[in-house]
C-alpha cells in the first residue's frame, strides 16, 4: 500500500502529526520498497522512540540493520525482541535473523523452541528449512519446507525452498517442475525484485531463485 503513496503525502503527514509514530512507519516502509535501507532504518528508529516499542518493532529494526550491514546492531535488536516477548513468533523471528547472520546452531535451537510452543506454525517450519539448507542438510530442509507448505496458506516460499533443496540433491527435473508450479501459483514469490524486498539478498533462497530464473522458463500464472 505504501508504495503507491507519494513522498509529498508522507512528508506533509509528518509535518502535521510529528507525534504520530505511524507516520514514521509509513515513511520507513516507503524507503524499504525502494530498497533504501539506511533511510528506512533511520525512520524505524525514530518510530520506536515515539511509542512504546513492541517485540515486533525490534524484529523490524533487526532486519533493517541487517540489510544495511550493521550486523552487531541487528543482533542487539533481535536479542532485545526476545527479551521483551518469549513466544513462538518471536523465537521464530530470532531464529530467522540468526540464520541470516550465520549463527545456524543458535538459530536451530530457537526455531525448535518455536515449534515446541506451536507445532503447526508454518513460518517456523519454513525457517527450519532455511536453517537446514544453510547447514547443507538438504533432505531435512526439503522435509521442513514440505511441513511449511502443509501448515500454512503461503505456498510460494516453501515451494521454492523445496525446489532449491531438490536441486541440491540432484533431482533436477523435479526441482524445475516444482519451481514452475510455485511461480504459477504465487508469481510474486518468484520475482527476484519482490523476493529481495520481502526477504533480502541474505536469504539463502535468493541465490536459488536467481539460478532458477536464469535457467527455467516460468509458467503462466493460474
Protein backbone atom coordinates (compact mmCIF):
# COMPACT_ATOMS: atom_id res chain seq x y z
CA UNK A 1 0.00 0.00 0.00
CA UNK A 2 2.73 2.44 0.97
CA UNK A 3 4.47 2.07 -2.38
CA UNK A 4 1.50 3.81 -4.00
CA UNK A 5 1.70 6.75 -1.60
CA UNK A 6 3.68 9.74 -2.81
CA UNK A 7 6.63 11.12 -0.89
CA UNK A 8 4.89 14.50 -0.71
CA UNK A 9 1.89 12.94 1.02
CA UNK A 10 4.08 11.25 3.61
CA UNK A 11 6.14 14.38 4.22
CA UNK A 12 3.04 16.52 4.67
CA UNK A 13 1.52 13.99 7.04
CA UNK A 14 4.65 14.01 9.17
CA UNK A 15 4.64 17.81 9.30
CA UNK A 16 1.07 17.78 10.57
CA UNK A 17 1.43 14.91 13.06
CA UNK A 18 5.02 14.74 14.20
CA UNK A 19 3.96 12.89 17.35
CA UNK A 20 2.34 10.09 15.37
CA UNK A 21 4.74 7.12 15.19
CA UNK A 22 2.72 5.55 12.39
CA UNK A 23 3.84 8.32 10.04
CA UNK A 24 7.45 7.27 10.54
CA UNK A 25 6.42 3.68 9.95
CA UNK A 26 4.85 4.73 6.64
CA UNK A 27 7.98 6.60 5.58
CA UNK A 28 10.15 3.63 6.55
CA UNK A 29 8.02 1.24 4.50
CA UNK A 30 8.20 3.61 1.54
CA UNK A 31 12.02 3.66 1.75
CA UNK A 32 12.03 -0.13 2.21
CA UNK A 33 10.09 -0.63 -1.01
CA UNK A 34 12.73 1.44 -2.81
CA UNK A 35 15.47 -0.70 -1.22
CA UNK A 36 16.79 2.39 0.55
CA UNK A 37 17.54 0.57 3.77
CA UNK A 38 19.68 3.16 5.64
CA UNK A 39 16.83 5.70 5.39
CA UNK A 40 14.30 3.03 6.33
CA UNK A 41 16.31 2.09 9.41
CA UNK A 42 16.54 5.75 10.49
CA UNK A 43 12.75 6.13 10.22
CA UNK A 44 12.12 2.89 12.12
CA UNK A 45 14.43 4.07 14.91
CA UNK A 46 12.54 7.37 15.12
CA UNK A 47 9.26 5.47 15.22
CA UNK A 48 10.43 3.35 18.15
CA UNK A 49 11.40 6.45 20.14
CA UNK A 50 7.88 7.85 19.72
CA UNK A 51 5.87 4.93 21.04
CA UNK A 52 6.04 2.06 23.48
CA UNK A 53 8.04 -0.35 21.34
CA UNK A 54 6.82 -3.92 20.94
CA UNK A 55 8.94 -7.00 20.34
CA UNK A 56 7.89 -6.95 16.70
CA UNK A 57 9.28 -3.40 16.36
CA UNK A 58 12.70 -4.66 17.41
CA UNK A 59 12.43 -7.54 14.95
CA UNK A 60 11.86 -4.96 12.21
CA UNK A 61 14.81 -2.89 13.44
CA UNK A 62 16.98 -6.00 13.41
CA UNK A 63 16.17 -6.88 9.81
CA UNK A 64 16.64 -3.26 8.70
CA UNK A 65 20.03 -3.15 10.44
CA UNK A 66 20.98 -6.41 8.78
CA UNK A 67 20.15 -5.01 5.36
CA UNK A 68 22.41 -2.02 5.99
CA UNK A 69 25.29 -4.25 7.04
CA UNK A 70 25.08 -3.30 10.73
CA UNK A 71 25.40 -6.87 11.98
CA UNK A 72 26.15 -6.04 15.62
CA UNK A 73 23.08 -3.79 15.77
CA UNK A 74 21.00 -6.49 14.11
CA UNK A 75 21.98 -8.96 16.82
CA UNK A 76 21.31 -6.41 19.57
CA UNK A 77 17.83 -5.60 18.27
CA UNK A 78 16.76 -9.22 17.83
CA UNK A 79 18.01 -10.11 21.32
CA UNK A 80 16.02 -7.15 22.65
CA UNK A 81 12.93 -8.52 20.92
CA UNK A 82 13.25 -11.92 22.59
CA UNK A 83 13.88 -10.31 25.98
CA UNK A 84 10.59 -8.43 25.62
CA UNK A 85 8.47 -11.35 24.45
CA UNK A 86 9.24 -15.07 24.53
CA UNK A 87 6.62 -16.69 22.33
CA UNK A 88 6.63 -18.87 19.22
CA UNK A 89 6.54 -15.90 16.85
CA UNK A 90 9.49 -14.07 18.41
CA UNK A 91 11.58 -17.23 18.77
CA UNK A 92 10.95 -17.88 15.09
CA UNK A 93 11.87 -14.31 14.18
CA UNK A 94 15.13 -14.52 16.10
CA UNK A 95 15.89 -17.91 14.55
CA UNK A 96 15.47 -16.46 11.05
CA UNK A 97 17.62 -13.40 11.78
CA UNK A 98 20.33 -15.51 13.42
CA UNK A 99 20.31 -17.82 10.42
CA UNK A 100 20.82 -14.80 8.14
CA UNK A 101 23.68 -13.74 10.43
CA UNK A 102 25.26 -17.19 10.03
CA UNK A 103 24.67 -18.50 13.57
CA UNK A 104 22.88 -21.67 12.49
CA UNK A 105 23.26 -23.64 15.73
CA UNK A 106 21.63 -20.95 17.89
CA UNK A 107 19.04 -20.38 15.19
CA UNK A 108 18.19 -24.08 15.19
CA UNK A 109 17.69 -24.07 18.96
CA UNK A 110 15.38 -21.05 18.70
CA UNK A 111 13.22 -22.44 15.93
CA UNK A 112 12.90 -25.71 17.81
CA UNK A 113 11.60 -23.71 20.79
CA UNK A 114 9.09 -22.02 18.48
CA UNK A 115 7.86 -25.35 17.14
CA UNK A 116 7.66 -26.84 20.64
CA UNK A 117 5.31 -23.98 21.55
CA UNK A 118 3.35 -24.13 18.28
CA UNK A 119 3.93 -27.36 16.29
CA UNK A 120 1.85 -26.29 13.27
CA UNK A 121 3.49 -22.86 12.91
CA UNK A 122 4.11 -22.78 9.16
CA UNK A 123 6.59 -19.89 9.22
CA UNK A 124 8.70 -21.71 11.80
CA UNK A 125 8.81 -24.79 9.58
CA UNK A 126 9.94 -22.50 6.75
CA UNK A 127 12.64 -21.04 8.98
CA UNK A 128 13.72 -24.56 9.91
CA UNK A 129 14.02 -25.34 6.21
CA UNK A 130 16.15 -22.24 5.70
CA UNK A 131 18.45 -23.22 8.58
CA UNK A 132 18.86 -26.80 7.38
CA UNK A 133 19.58 -25.54 3.86
CA UNK A 134 22.31 -23.26 5.23
CA UNK A 135 23.74 -26.28 7.08
CA UNK A 136 23.77 -28.31 3.83
CA UNK A 137 21.21 -30.71 5.32
CA UNK A 138 19.15 -30.72 2.16
CA UNK A 139 16.95 -33.75 2.90
CA UNK A 140 15.97 -32.22 6.23
CA UNK A 141 15.45 -28.85 4.53
CA UNK A 142 13.10 -30.40 1.99
CA UNK A 143 11.08 -32.10 4.73
CA UNK A 144 10.80 -28.85 6.70
CA UNK A 145 9.60 -26.94 3.64
CA UNK A 146 7.01 -29.67 2.99
CA UNK A 147 5.66 -29.12 6.51
CA UNK A 148 5.67 -25.35 5.99
CA UNK A 149 3.56 -25.78 2.87
CA UNK A 150 1.20 -28.19 4.65
CA UNK A 151 0.52 -25.93 7.62
CA UNK A 152 0.27 -22.50 6.03
CA UNK A 153 -1.60 -20.57 3.37
CA UNK A 154 1.57 -19.11 1.82
CA UNK A 155 2.92 -21.70 -0.61
CA UNK A 156 5.43 -19.76 -2.70
CA UNK A 157 8.37 -19.61 -0.26
CA UNK A 158 8.19 -23.24 0.91
CA UNK A 159 7.74 -24.48 -2.65
CA UNK A 160 10.80 -22.51 -3.71
CA UNK A 161 12.66 -23.98 -0.72
CA UNK A 162 11.64 -27.48 -1.71
CA UNK A 163 12.76 -26.85 -5.30
CA UNK A 164 16.13 -25.49 -4.15
CA UNK A 165 16.70 -28.48 -1.85
CA UNK A 166 15.76 -30.91 -4.62
CA UNK A 167 18.23 -29.21 -6.94
CA UNK A 168 20.97 -29.65 -4.37
CA UNK A 169 20.01 -33.32 -4.07
CA UNK A 170 20.43 -33.78 -7.81
CA UNK A 171 16.72 -34.16 -8.52
CA UNK A 172 16.83 -31.51 -11.22
CA UNK A 173 13.66 -32.27 -13.18
CA UNK A 174 11.53 -32.40 -10.01
CA UNK A 175 13.08 -29.15 -8.83
CA UNK A 176 12.41 -27.31 -12.07
CA UNK A 177 8.82 -28.57 -12.30
CA UNK A 178 8.15 -27.55 -8.69
CA UNK A 179 9.61 -24.08 -9.24
CA UNK A 180 7.36 -23.61 -12.28
CA UNK A 181 4.30 -24.60 -10.22
CA UNK A 182 5.32 -22.20 -7.44
CA UNK A 183 5.58 -19.34 -9.93
CA UNK A 184 2.22 -20.19 -11.45
CA UNK A 185 0.55 -20.20 -8.03
CA UNK A 186 2.32 -17.19 -6.48
CA UNK A 187 4.22 -15.27 -9.17
CA UNK A 188 5.34 -12.53 -6.76
CA UNK A 189 7.31 -15.06 -4.71
CA UNK A 190 9.28 -15.97 -7.85
CA UNK A 191 10.05 -12.41 -8.92
CA UNK A 192 13.64 -11.63 -7.84
CA UNK A 193 12.96 -7.97 -7.04
CA UNK A 194 9.82 -8.70 -4.99
CA UNK A 195 11.59 -11.56 -3.20
CA UNK A 196 14.62 -9.38 -2.48
CA UNK A 197 12.47 -6.64 -0.94
CA UNK A 198 10.47 -9.11 1.16
CA UNK A 199 13.24 -11.46 2.29
CA UNK A 200 16.51 -9.76 1.34
CA UNK A 201 19.58 -10.83 -0.56
CA UNK A 202 20.78 -12.50 2.63
CA UNK A 203 18.11 -15.20 2.40
CA UNK A 204 19.81 -18.33 1.07
CA UNK A 205 16.90 -18.98 -1.31
CA UNK A 206 17.56 -15.72 -3.17
CA UNK A 207 20.54 -17.25 -4.94
CA UNK A 208 18.47 -20.31 -5.80
CA UNK A 209 15.72 -18.07 -7.16
CA UNK A 210 18.18 -16.20 -9.37
CA UNK A 211 19.51 -19.50 -10.70
CA UNK A 212 16.02 -20.81 -11.46
CA UNK A 213 15.02 -17.53 -13.11
CA UNK A 214 18.07 -17.66 -15.39
CA UNK A 215 17.63 -21.28 -16.45
CA UNK A 216 13.99 -22.32 -16.20
CA UNK A 217 11.07 -20.61 -18.03
CA UNK A 218 8.18 -19.77 -15.73
CA UNK A 219 4.68 -20.98 -16.49
CA UNK A 220 1.80 -18.55 -16.90
CA UNK A 221 0.01 -17.74 -13.63
CA UNK A 222 -3.12 -19.79 -12.95
